[in-house]
Amino acid sequence: MEVLQLVNTVGGVALAGISVLMVISNPGQNDYEHYATDAITEYLKQEVCPKAPQQLGGFLQSYCKTLIDTGRPQIEKVIAKETIRRNYLLFSIYETELLLPFPVPSYEFGTIGAFQKFYTYEVQEFQEKL
């Protein structure tokens, strides 16, 4: 009986410790905005820039990454404006909707924040119709 009581006590203390750690390390809105801006700009540079049309004599492809870096503050502002955070104390869920003008696809992201890290669990790409 004493062993069972000891196991229950140790388990309860460990569970309480993990819960306190999760509450303390639940990342905030600003942390998410920086994470999302980094992730989106990297995605644009790796996936979108190489597919940029050759129109305008290759200007867009040549300067695509520079244009993305220049627009980074605006990207972060859009993310801040278009993100809904649901804080569950132990973790947070962030939902971001980026509606971009046609013909560029728009995106929806679902991300969980816990232990000062972010885990994007959902990315949906869709085209706005005229």
N, C-alpha and C. Protein backbone atom coordinates (compact mmCIF):
# COMPACT_ATOMS: atom_id res chain seq x y z
N MET A 1 0.81 -1.20 0.00
CA MET A 1 0.00 0.00 0.00
C MET A 1 0.86 1.26 0.00
N GLU A 2 1.97 1.24 0.75
CA GLU A 2 2.84 2.40 0.79
C GLU A 2 3.48 2.66 -0.57
N VAL A 3 3.80 1.61 -1.32
CA VAL A 3 4.41 1.77 -2.64
C VAL A 3 3.42 2.45 -3.58
N LEU A 4 2.17 2.03 -3.55
CA LEU A 4 1.14 2.62 -4.40
C LEU A 4 0.95 4.10 -4.05
N GLN A 5 0.96 4.41 -2.78
CA GLN A 5 0.82 5.80 -2.36
C GLN A 5 2.02 6.64 -2.82
N LEU A 6 3.22 6.06 -2.75
CA LEU A 6 4.42 6.75 -3.21
C LEU A 6 4.36 6.99 -4.72
N VAL A 7 3.93 5.99 -5.48
CA VAL A 7 3.81 6.12 -6.94
C VAL A 7 2.79 7.21 -7.28
N ASN A 8 1.66 7.23 -6.60
CA ASN A 8 0.64 8.26 -6.83
C ASN A 8 1.17 9.66 -6.51
N THR A 9 1.91 9.79 -5.42
CA THR A 9 2.46 11.08 -5.03
C THR A 9 3.48 11.57 -6.06
N VAL A 10 4.40 10.68 -6.44
CA VAL A 10 5.43 11.05 -7.42
C VAL A 10 4.77 11.39 -8.76
N GLY A 11 3.78 10.61 -9.16
CA GLY A 11 3.06 10.88 -10.41
C GLY A 11 2.34 12.21 -10.37
N GLY A 12 1.71 12.52 -9.25
CA GLY A 12 1.00 13.80 -9.11
C GLY A 12 1.95 14.98 -9.16
N VAL A 13 3.09 14.86 -8.49
CA VAL A 13 4.08 15.94 -8.50
C VAL A 13 4.64 16.12 -9.91
N ALA A 14 4.92 15.02 -10.60
CA ALA A 14 5.44 15.10 -11.98
C ALA A 14 4.42 15.75 -12.90
N LEU A 15 3.16 15.37 -12.78
CA LEU A 15 2.11 15.95 -13.61
C LEU A 15 1.95 17.44 -13.33
N ALA A 16 2.00 17.82 -12.08
CA ALA A 16 1.91 19.24 -11.72
C ALA A 16 3.11 20.01 -12.27
N GLY A 17 4.28 19.41 -12.19
CA GLY A 17 5.49 20.06 -12.71
C GLY A 17 5.42 20.26 -14.21
N ILE A 18 4.95 19.25 -14.94
CA ILE A 18 4.80 19.37 -16.40
C ILE A 18 3.77 20.44 -16.74
N SER A 19 2.68 20.47 -15.99
CA SER A 19 1.64 21.48 -16.24
C SER A 19 2.18 22.89 -16.03
N VAL A 20 2.92 23.10 -14.96
CA VAL A 20 3.50 24.42 -14.70
C VAL A 20 4.49 24.79 -15.81
N LEU A 21 5.30 23.82 -16.23
CA LEU A 21 6.25 24.06 -17.32
C LEU A 21 5.53 24.44 -18.61
N MET A 22 4.42 23.78 -18.90
CA MET A 22 3.66 24.10 -20.12
C MET A 22 3.05 25.50 -20.04
N VAL A 23 2.54 25.88 -18.88
CA VAL A 23 1.96 27.22 -18.73
C VAL A 23 3.04 28.28 -18.93
N ILE A 24 4.20 28.07 -18.33
CA ILE A 24 5.29 29.04 -18.43
C ILE A 24 5.83 29.12 -19.86
N SER A 25 5.88 27.99 -20.55
CA SER A 25 6.50 27.97 -21.88
C SER A 25 5.50 28.05 -23.02
N ASN A 26 4.26 28.42 -22.73
CA ASN A 26 3.27 28.62 -23.79
C ASN A 26 3.63 29.89 -24.55
N PRO A 27 4.03 29.76 -25.84
CA PRO A 27 4.49 30.96 -26.57
C PRO A 27 3.35 31.94 -26.83
N GLY A 28 3.71 33.21 -26.90
CA GLY A 28 2.72 34.27 -27.09
C GLY A 28 2.50 34.63 -28.54
N GLN A 29 1.62 35.60 -28.75
CA GLN A 29 1.24 36.06 -30.09
C GLN A 29 2.45 36.60 -30.86
N ASN A 30 3.29 37.40 -30.22
CA ASN A 30 4.47 37.96 -30.91
C ASN A 30 5.42 36.86 -31.36
N ASP A 31 5.61 35.85 -30.52
CA ASP A 31 6.47 34.73 -30.90
C ASP A 31 5.91 34.04 -32.15
N TYR A 32 4.60 33.85 -32.17
CA TYR A 32 3.98 33.22 -33.34
C TYR A 32 4.15 34.08 -34.59
N GLU A 33 3.97 35.36 -34.46
CA GLU A 33 4.09 36.24 -35.62
C GLU A 33 5.49 36.16 -36.23
N HIS A 34 6.51 36.11 -35.38
CA HIS A 34 7.89 35.96 -35.89
C HIS A 34 8.07 34.60 -36.56
N TYR A 35 7.58 33.55 -35.90
CA TYR A 35 7.67 32.20 -36.47
C TYR A 35 6.98 32.14 -37.83
N ALA A 36 5.75 32.62 -37.90
CA ALA A 36 4.97 32.54 -39.14
C ALA A 36 5.61 33.37 -40.24
N THR A 37 6.12 34.54 -39.91
CA THR A 37 6.79 35.38 -40.91
C THR A 37 8.02 34.67 -41.47
N ASP A 38 8.82 34.07 -40.58
CA ASP A 38 9.99 33.31 -41.04
C ASP A 38 9.58 32.17 -41.95
N ALA A 39 8.57 31.41 -41.53
CA ALA A 39 8.13 30.25 -42.30
C ALA A 39 7.58 30.65 -43.67
N ILE A 40 6.77 31.69 -43.70
CA ILE A 40 6.14 32.11 -44.96
C ILE A 40 7.18 32.70 -45.91
N THR A 41 8.08 33.54 -45.41
CA THR A 41 9.08 34.12 -46.31
C THR A 41 10.01 33.04 -46.85
N GLU A 42 10.36 32.07 -46.04
CA GLU A 42 11.20 30.97 -46.52
C GLU A 42 10.46 30.15 -47.58
N TYR A 43 9.19 29.88 -47.33
CA TYR A 43 8.38 29.15 -48.32
C TYR A 43 8.32 29.92 -49.64
N LEU A 44 8.07 31.21 -49.57
CA LEU A 44 7.99 32.01 -50.79
C LEU A 44 9.31 31.98 -51.56
N LYS A 45 10.41 32.09 -50.84
CA LYS A 45 11.72 32.09 -51.51
C LYS A 45 12.03 30.73 -52.15
N GLN A 46 11.67 29.65 -51.46
CA GLN A 46 12.01 28.31 -51.95
C GLN A 46 11.03 27.78 -52.99
N GLU A 47 9.75 28.09 -52.83
CA GLU A 47 8.72 27.47 -53.67
C GLU A 47 8.13 28.41 -54.72
N VAL A 48 7.96 29.67 -54.39
CA VAL A 48 7.28 30.59 -55.30
C VAL A 48 8.26 31.30 -56.23
N CYS A 49 9.38 31.77 -55.70
CA CYS A 49 10.34 32.51 -56.54
C CYS A 49 10.81 31.70 -57.75
N PRO A 50 11.17 30.43 -57.59
CA PRO A 50 11.62 29.68 -58.77
C PRO A 50 10.53 29.52 -59.84
N LYS A 51 9.28 29.64 -59.45
CA LYS A 51 8.17 29.48 -60.40
C LYS A 51 7.66 30.81 -60.94
N ALA A 52 8.32 31.89 -60.58
CA ALA A 52 7.88 33.22 -61.04
C ALA A 52 7.95 33.27 -62.56
N PRO A 53 6.97 33.91 -63.18
CA PRO A 53 6.96 33.97 -64.65
C PRO A 53 8.16 34.74 -65.20
N GLN A 54 8.57 34.36 -66.38
CA GLN A 54 9.72 34.99 -67.04
C GLN A 54 9.37 36.30 -67.71
N GLN A 55 8.14 36.75 -67.54
CA GLN A 55 7.74 38.02 -68.14
C GLN A 55 8.60 39.15 -67.58
N LEU A 56 8.59 40.25 -68.22
CA LEU A 56 9.38 41.42 -67.83
C LEU A 56 10.88 41.14 -67.90
N GLY A 57 11.26 40.27 -68.82
CA GLY A 57 12.67 39.99 -69.02
C GLY A 57 13.34 39.31 -67.85
N GLY A 58 12.63 38.54 -67.09
CA GLY A 58 13.20 37.84 -65.94
C GLY A 58 13.39 38.71 -64.72
N PHE A 59 12.88 39.93 -64.74
CA PHE A 59 13.03 40.86 -63.61
C PHE A 59 12.48 40.26 -62.33
N LEU A 60 11.26 39.70 -62.41
CA LEU A 60 10.61 39.18 -61.21
C LEU A 60 11.41 38.04 -60.60
N GLN A 61 11.90 37.11 -61.45
CA GLN A 61 12.69 36.01 -60.91
C GLN A 61 14.00 36.50 -60.31
N SER A 62 14.63 37.46 -60.95
CA SER A 62 15.92 37.96 -60.47
C SER A 62 15.81 38.65 -59.11
N TYR A 63 14.74 39.37 -58.89
CA TYR A 63 14.60 40.17 -57.68
C TYR A 63 13.56 39.64 -56.70
N CYS A 64 13.07 38.45 -56.94
CA CYS A 64 11.99 37.89 -56.12
C CYS A 64 12.37 37.84 -54.63
N LYS A 65 13.52 37.27 -54.31
CA LYS A 65 13.93 37.14 -52.91
C LYS A 65 14.15 38.50 -52.26
N THR A 66 14.68 39.44 -53.02
CA THR A 66 14.88 40.79 -52.50
C THR A 66 13.54 41.46 -52.21
N LEU A 67 12.58 41.26 -53.11
CA LEU A 67 11.24 41.83 -52.90
C LEU A 67 10.58 41.23 -51.66
N ILE A 68 10.78 39.94 -51.44
CA ILE A 68 10.21 39.28 -50.25
C ILE A 68 10.86 39.84 -48.99
N ASP A 69 12.18 39.97 -48.99
CA ASP A 69 12.86 40.54 -47.82
C ASP A 69 12.41 41.97 -47.54
N THR A 70 12.23 42.74 -48.60
CA THR A 70 11.78 44.13 -48.46
C THR A 70 10.36 44.19 -47.89
N GLY A 71 9.52 43.25 -48.28
CA GLY A 71 8.13 43.23 -47.83
C GLY A 71 7.90 42.51 -46.52
N ARG A 72 8.97 42.03 -45.88
CA ARG A 72 8.85 41.26 -44.64
C ARG A 72 8.06 41.99 -43.54
N PRO A 73 8.31 43.28 -43.29
CA PRO A 73 7.51 43.96 -42.25
C PRO A 73 6.01 43.98 -42.57
N GLN A 74 5.67 44.13 -43.84
CA GLN A 74 4.26 44.12 -44.22
C GLN A 74 3.66 42.72 -44.06
N ILE A 75 4.46 41.69 -44.37
CA ILE A 75 3.99 40.31 -44.19
C ILE A 75 3.68 40.07 -42.72
N GLU A 76 4.56 40.53 -41.84
CA GLU A 76 4.34 40.34 -40.40
C GLU A 76 3.09 41.08 -39.93
N LYS A 77 2.84 42.28 -40.47
CA LYS A 77 1.63 43.02 -40.10
C LYS A 77 0.37 42.29 -40.54
N VAL A 78 0.41 41.72 -41.74
CA VAL A 78 -0.75 40.97 -42.24
C VAL A 78 -0.99 39.74 -41.37
N ILE A 79 0.07 39.04 -41.01
CA ILE A 79 -0.06 37.87 -40.14
C ILE A 79 -0.66 38.29 -38.80
N ALA A 80 -0.18 39.39 -38.23
CA ALA A 80 -0.71 39.87 -36.94
C ALA A 80 -2.19 40.17 -37.04
N LYS A 81 -2.60 40.78 -38.15
CA LYS A 81 -4.00 41.17 -38.32
C LYS A 81 -4.91 39.98 -38.61
N GLU A 82 -4.39 38.98 -39.32
CA GLU A 82 -5.23 37.88 -39.80
C GLU A 82 -5.10 36.60 -38.98
N THR A 83 -4.53 36.68 -37.79
CA THR A 83 -4.35 35.50 -36.95
C THR A 83 -5.30 35.55 -35.76
N ILE A 84 -5.93 34.43 -35.51
CA ILE A 84 -6.76 34.25 -34.32
C ILE A 84 -6.02 33.30 -33.39
N ARG A 85 -5.82 33.72 -32.14
CA ARG A 85 -5.16 32.87 -31.15
C ARG A 85 -6.19 32.39 -30.15
N ARG A 86 -6.20 31.08 -29.94
CA ARG A 86 -7.01 30.49 -28.87
C ARG A 86 -6.05 29.95 -27.82
N ASN A 87 -6.05 30.60 -26.66
CA ASN A 87 -5.12 30.25 -25.59
C ASN A 87 -5.79 29.29 -24.62
N TYR A 88 -5.24 28.09 -24.52
CA TYR A 88 -5.76 27.08 -23.61
C TYR A 88 -4.86 26.91 -22.38
N LEU A 89 -4.09 27.93 -22.06
CA LEU A 89 -3.20 28.00 -20.92
C LEU A 89 -1.99 27.07 -21.04
N LEU A 90 -2.21 25.78 -21.31
CA LEU A 90 -1.11 24.84 -21.47
C LEU A 90 -0.50 24.92 -22.87
N PHE A 91 -1.31 25.33 -23.84
CA PHE A 91 -0.87 25.47 -25.23
C PHE A 91 -1.80 26.47 -25.91
N SER A 92 -1.42 26.91 -27.10
CA SER A 92 -2.26 27.82 -27.87
C SER A 92 -2.43 27.29 -29.28
N ILE A 93 -3.57 27.59 -29.88
CA ILE A 93 -3.82 27.25 -31.28
C ILE A 93 -3.94 28.56 -32.04
N TYR A 94 -3.20 28.65 -33.13
CA TYR A 94 -3.20 29.85 -33.98
C TYR A 94 -3.78 29.48 -35.33
N GLU A 95 -4.71 30.28 -35.80
CA GLU A 95 -5.30 30.09 -37.13
C GLU A 95 -5.06 31.38 -37.92
N THR A 96 -4.38 31.24 -39.04
CA THR A 96 -4.03 32.39 -39.88
C THR A 96 -4.61 32.19 -41.26
N GLU A 97 -5.23 33.23 -41.78
CA GLU A 97 -5.78 33.20 -43.13
C GLU A 97 -5.14 34.33 -43.93
N LEU A 98 -4.42 33.95 -44.97
CA LEU A 98 -3.78 34.94 -45.85
C LEU A 98 -4.52 34.96 -47.17
N LEU A 99 -5.31 35.99 -47.38
CA LEU A 99 -6.06 36.15 -48.62
C LEU A 99 -5.25 37.05 -49.54
N LEU A 100 -4.75 36.47 -50.61
CA LEU A 100 -3.91 37.19 -51.54
C LEU A 100 -4.66 37.44 -52.84
N PRO A 101 -4.29 38.49 -53.57
CA PRO A 101 -5.02 38.82 -54.80
C PRO A 101 -4.81 37.76 -55.89
N PHE A 102 -5.84 37.56 -56.70
CA PHE A 102 -5.77 36.64 -57.83
C PHE A 102 -4.68 37.11 -58.77
N PRO A 103 -3.87 36.28 -59.32
CA PRO A 103 -3.88 34.83 -59.44
C PRO A 103 -3.04 34.12 -58.38
N VAL A 104 -2.49 34.83 -57.41
CA VAL A 104 -1.68 34.21 -56.37
C VAL A 104 -2.61 33.41 -55.46
N PRO A 105 -2.22 32.17 -55.10
CA PRO A 105 -3.08 31.39 -54.20
C PRO A 105 -3.13 31.98 -52.79
N SER A 106 -4.23 31.75 -52.11
CA SER A 106 -4.39 32.16 -50.71
C SER A 106 -4.14 30.95 -49.83
N TYR A 107 -3.89 31.19 -48.55
CA TYR A 107 -3.52 30.11 -47.64
C TYR A 107 -4.23 30.24 -46.31
N GLU A 108 -4.47 29.08 -45.69
CA GLU A 108 -4.92 29.00 -44.31
C GLU A 108 -3.94 28.09 -43.57
N PHE A 109 -3.52 28.52 -42.38
CA PHE A 109 -2.58 27.76 -41.58
C PHE A 109 -3.17 27.48 -40.21
N GLY A 110 -2.95 26.28 -39.71
CA GLY A 110 -3.28 25.93 -38.34
C GLY A 110 -2.01 25.52 -37.63
N THR A 111 -1.73 26.14 -36.48
CA THR A 111 -0.47 25.90 -35.77
C THR A 111 -0.75 25.78 -34.28
N ILE A 112 -0.05 24.85 -33.64
CA ILE A 112 -0.11 24.69 -32.19
C ILE A 112 1.19 25.22 -31.61
N GLY A 113 1.09 26.00 -30.54
CA GLY A 113 2.26 26.50 -29.84
C GLY A 113 2.32 25.89 -28.45
N ALA A 114 3.45 25.25 -28.12
CA ALA A 114 3.64 24.66 -26.80
C ALA A 114 5.14 24.50 -26.56
N PHE A 115 5.56 24.61 -25.32
CA PHE A 115 6.97 24.45 -24.95
C PHE A 115 7.89 25.37 -25.77
N GLN A 116 7.46 26.60 -26.03
CA GLN A 116 8.21 27.60 -26.80
C GLN A 116 8.53 27.14 -28.22
N LYS A 117 7.72 26.24 -28.77
CA LYS A 117 7.88 25.77 -30.14
C LYS A 117 6.53 25.82 -30.84
N PHE A 118 6.58 25.79 -32.16
CA PHE A 118 5.37 25.81 -32.97
C PHE A 118 5.34 24.60 -33.87
N TYR A 119 4.16 24.03 -34.03
CA TYR A 119 3.95 22.86 -34.87
C TYR A 119 2.79 23.16 -35.81
N THR A 120 3.09 23.36 -37.08
CA THR A 120 2.03 23.64 -38.05
C THR A 120 1.42 22.30 -38.46
N TYR A 121 0.15 22.13 -38.16
CA TYR A 121 -0.52 20.86 -38.43
C TYR A 121 -1.41 20.92 -39.66
N GLU A 122 -1.65 22.12 -40.19
CA GLU A 122 -2.55 22.22 -41.34
C GLU A 122 -2.14 23.40 -42.22
N VAL A 123 -2.02 23.13 -43.51
CA VAL A 123 -1.80 24.19 -44.50
C VAL A 123 -2.75 23.91 -45.65
N GLN A 124 -3.61 24.86 -45.94
CA GLN A 124 -4.54 24.73 -47.07
C GLN A 124 -4.27 25.84 -48.05
N GLU A 125 -4.11 25.46 -49.30
CA GLU A 125 -3.91 26.44 -50.37
C GLU A 125 -5.18 26.44 -51.21
N PHE A 126 -5.65 27.63 -51.55
CA PHE A 126 -6.84 27.72 -52.39
C PHE A 126 -6.77 28.96 -53.26
N GLN A 127 -7.47 28.92 -54.36
CA GLN A 127 -7.52 30.04 -55.31
C GLN A 127 -8.82 30.80 -55.10
N GLU A 128 -8.70 32.10 -54.97
CA GLU A 128 -9.90 32.95 -54.94
C GLU A 128 -10.44 33.02 -56.36
N LYS A 129 -11.73 32.95 -56.50
CA LYS A 129 -12.34 33.03 -57.83
C LYS A 129 -12.79 34.45 -58.10
N LEU A 130 -12.71 34.82 -59.35
CA LEU A 130 -13.15 36.17 -59.75
C LEU A 130 -14.65 36.29 -59.71
